[in-house]
C-alpha atoms as a PDB file:
ATOM      1  CA  MET A   1      49.198  83.228 127.758  1.00  0.00           C
ATOM      2  CA  ASP A   2      50.275  83.317 124.094  1.00  0.00           C
ATOM      3  CA  LYS A   3      51.405  87.738 124.518  1.00  0.00           C
ATOM      4  CA  THR A   4      53.552  86.240 127.030  1.00  0.00           C
ATOM      5  CA  LEU A   5      54.730  83.399 125.571  1.00  0.00           C
ATOM      6  CA  LEU A   6      55.642  85.382 122.361  1.00  0.00           C
ATOM      7  CA  PHE A   7      57.273  88.387 124.411  1.00  0.00           C
ATOM      8  CA  TRP A   8      59.235  85.737 126.763  1.00  0.00           C
ATOM      9  CA  ILE A   9      60.742  84.406 123.493  1.00  0.00           C
ATOM     10  CA  LEU A  10      61.464  87.916 121.982  1.00  0.00           C
ATOM     11  CA  VAL A  11      63.332  88.785 125.310  1.00  0.00           C
ATOM     12  CA  GLY A  12      65.695  85.761 125.515  1.00  0.00           C
ATOM     13  CA  GLY A  13      66.284  85.729 121.523  1.00  0.00           C
ATOM     14  CA  LEU A  14      67.122  89.844 121.919  1.00  0.00           C
ATOM     15  CA  SER A  15      69.278  88.622 125.112  1.00  0.00           C
ATOM     16  CA  PHE A  16      70.976  86.016 123.352  1.00  0.00           C
ATOM     17  CA  ALA A  17      71.721  88.037 120.793  1.00  0.00           C
ATOM     18  CA  PHE A  18      73.214  91.228 122.562  1.00  0.00           C
ATOM     19  CA  ALA A  19      75.348  88.165 124.637  1.00  0.00           C
ATOM     20  CA  LEU A  20      76.536  86.706 121.001  1.00  0.00           C
ATOM     21  CA  ALA A  21      77.738  90.243 119.656  1.00  0.00           C
ATOM     22  CA  VAL A  22      79.489  91.506 122.527  1.00  0.00           C
ATOM     23  CA  GLN A  23      80.827  87.815 122.887  1.00  0.00           C
ATOM     24  CA  MET A  24      81.909  88.243 119.029  1.00  0.00           C
ATOM     25  CA  ARG A  25      83.231  91.828 119.708  1.00  0.00           C
ATOM     26  CA  VAL A  26      85.435  90.665 122.576  1.00  0.00           C
ATOM     27  CA  ILE A  27      86.975  87.670 120.747  1.00  0.00           C
ATOM     28  CA  THR A  28      87.818  89.357 117.011  1.00  0.00           C
ATOM     29  CA  ALA A  29      89.128  92.396 119.019  1.00  0.00           C
ATOM     30  CA  LEU A  30      92.044  89.683 121.112  1.00  0.00           C
ATOM     31  CA  VAL A  31      92.412  87.905 117.884  1.00  0.00           C
ATOM     32  CA  LEU A  32      93.159  90.990 115.481  1.00  0.00           C
ATOM     33  CA  ARG A  33      95.689  92.655 118.406  1.00  0.00           C
ATOM     34  CA  ARG A  34      97.125  88.810 118.462  1.00  0.00           C
ATOM     35  CA  ALA A  35      97.588  89.098 115.150  1.00  0.00           C
ATOM     36  CA  LEU A  36      98.491  92.091 115.142  1.00  0.00           C
ATOM     37  CA  LYS A  37     101.769  91.132 117.837  1.00  0.00           C
ATOM     38  CA  ALA A  38     103.126  88.770 115.449  1.00  0.00           C
ATOM     39  CA  TRP A  39     103.721  91.525 113.341  1.00  0.00           C
ATOM     40  CA  ARG A  40     105.882  93.496 115.168  1.00  0.00           C
ATOM     41  CA  GLU A  41     106.640  92.977 118.104  1.00  0.00           C
ATOM     42  CA  GLU A  42     106.349  97.274 118.809  1.00  0.00           C
ATOM     43  CA  PHE A  43     102.466  95.986 119.960  1.00  0.00           C
ATOM     44  CA  ALA A  44     102.929  94.033 122.585  1.00  0.00           C
ATOM     45  CA  ASP A  45     101.282  96.839 123.970  1.00  0.00           C
ATOM     46  CA  ARG A  46      97.972  96.425 124.692  1.00  0.00           C
ATOM     47  CA  VAL A  47      97.375 100.410 123.755  1.00  0.00           C
ATOM     48  CA  LYS A  48      98.968 100.568 120.550  1.00  0.00           C
ATOM     49  CA  ALA A  49      97.135  97.495 120.031  1.00  0.00           C
ATOM     50  CA  ASN A  50      94.290  99.086 120.243  1.00  0.00           C
ATOM     51  CA  ALA A  51      94.443 102.026 118.868  1.00  0.00           C
ATOM     52  CA  VAL A  52      95.172 100.376 115.425  1.00  0.00           C
ATOM     53  CA  VAL A  53      92.564  97.698 115.594  1.00  0.00           C
ATOM     54  CA  VAL A  54      90.141 100.456 115.893  1.00  0.00           C
ATOM     55  CA  ALA A  55      91.640 102.483 113.530  1.00  0.00           C
ATOM     56  CA  ALA A  56      91.599  99.746 111.194  1.00  0.00           C
ATOM     57  CA  ALA A  57      87.566  98.591 112.427  1.00  0.00           C
ATOM     58  CA  SER A  58      86.592 102.585 111.546  1.00  0.00           C
ATOM     59  CA  GLY A  59      86.843 101.545 107.431  1.00  0.00           C
ATOM     60  CA  ALA A  60      88.470 104.886 107.618  1.00  0.00           C
ATOM     61  CA  PRO A  61      91.527 105.774 104.522  1.00  0.00           C
ATOM     62  CA  ALA A  62      94.513 104.257 106.371  1.00  0.00           C
ATOM     63  CA  GLU A  63      97.287 106.825 107.492  1.00  0.00           C
ATOM     64  CA  ASP A  64      99.226 104.722 109.305  1.00  0.00           C
ATOM     65  CA  GLU A  65     101.094 101.542 107.866  1.00  0.00           C
ATOM     66  CA  ALA A  66      99.855  99.000 110.703  1.00  0.00           C
ATOM     67  CA  VAL A  67      96.210 100.292 109.564  1.00  0.00           C
ATOM     68  CA  ALA A  68      96.602  99.480 106.130  1.00  0.00           C
ATOM     69  CA  TYR A  69      98.291  96.242 106.925  1.00  0.00           C
ATOM     70  CA  MET A  70      94.846  95.647 109.166  1.00  0.00           C
ATOM     71  CA  GLN A  71      92.990  96.590 106.219  1.00  0.00           C
ATOM     72  CA  ASP A  72      94.452  94.396 103.875  1.00  0.00           C
ATOM     73  CA  THR A  73      95.173  91.851 105.594  1.00  0.00           C
ATOM     74  CA  TYR A  74      91.797  90.945 107.675  1.00  0.00           C
ATOM     75  CA  PRO A  75      89.166  92.023 105.910  1.00  0.00           C
ATOM     76  CA  SER A  76      86.512  89.818 106.861  1.00  0.00           C
ATOM     77  CA  PRO A  77      87.781  89.681 110.872  1.00  0.00           C
ATOM     78  CA  LEU A  78      87.386  93.749 110.705  1.00  0.00           C
ATOM     79  CA  ALA A  79      84.055  93.646 109.124  1.00  0.00           C
ATOM     80  CA  HIS A  80      82.824  91.452 111.845  1.00  0.00           C
ATOM     81  CA  LEU A  81      84.252  93.664 114.002  1.00  0.00           C
ATOM     82  CA  ARG A  82      82.385  96.551 113.007  1.00  0.00           C
ATOM     83  CA  ALA A  83      78.827  94.422 112.424  1.00  0.00           C
ATOM     84  CA  ALA A  84      79.605  93.404 116.014  1.00  0.00           C
ATOM     85  CA  ARG A  85      79.875  96.246 117.168  1.00  0.00           C
ATOM     86  CA  ARG A  86      76.977  97.882 115.063  1.00  0.00           C
ATOM     87  CA  TYR A  87      74.214  95.250 117.340  1.00  0.00           C
ATOM     88  CA  SER A  88      75.938  95.442 120.399  1.00  0.00           C
ATOM     89  CA  VAL A  89      74.243  98.661 120.363  1.00  0.00           C
ATOM     90  CA  ILE A  90      71.372  98.103 118.245  1.00  0.00           C
ATOM     91  CA  LEU A  91      70.163  95.344 120.709  1.00  0.00           C
ATOM     92  CA  PRO A  92      70.122  96.916 124.400  1.00  0.00           C
ATOM     93  CA  VAL A  93      68.096  99.573 122.684  1.00  0.00           C
ATOM     94  CA  LEU A  94      65.389  97.063 120.776  1.00  0.00           C
ATOM     95  CA  LEU A  95      65.782  94.696 124.714  1.00  0.00           C
ATOM     96  CA  VAL A  96      64.359  97.820 126.481  1.00  0.00           C
ATOM     97  CA  GLY A  97      61.661  98.929 123.617  1.00  0.00           C
ATOM     98  CA  VAL A  98      60.254  95.288 123.846  1.00  0.00           C
ATOM     99  CA  LEU A  99      60.169  95.314 127.830  1.00  0.00           C
ATOM    100  CA  ALA A 100      58.698  98.895 127.835  1.00  0.00           C
ATOM    101  CA  LEU A 101      55.926  97.584 124.412  1.00  0.00           C
ATOM    102  CA  GLY A 102      55.168  94.256 127.242  1.00  0.00           C
ATOM    103  CA  ARG A 103      54.906  96.630 130.244  1.00  0.00           C
ATOM    104  CA  LEU A 104      52.829  99.376 128.394  1.00  0.00           C
ATOM    105  CA  VAL A 105      50.848  97.370 126.073  1.00  0.00           C
ATOM    106  CA  LEU A 106      50.667  93.787 126.510  1.00  0.00           C
ATOM    107  CA  GLY A 107      50.714  93.503 129.904  1.00  0.00           C
ATOM    108  CA  VAL A 108      52.497  91.062 130.406  1.00  0.00           C
ATOM    109  CA  ILE A 109      55.189  92.152 133.415  1.00  0.00           C
END
């Protein structure tokens, strides 16, 4: 009973954290694209704005004026976007690992 409860708490916690990471990634990118559009109307095109947000979040030196603007003006949201991207990749792997652990080692599912 104890290992079953612990297993489902871990699965629920990891699933919730993954959902939050994906939500944070989507909302932060949306807000940054809107901020870019407010700065210059030429970034009303979602594809152009998304390319600038991706380049700004990569942390590489700015090659474009828009990327430099984003990195100088919004360093905290870009850091949040990088963290959300990192966790949205790591958490599914951990979730699969916990599911495999529950199936193969603990025998709870």
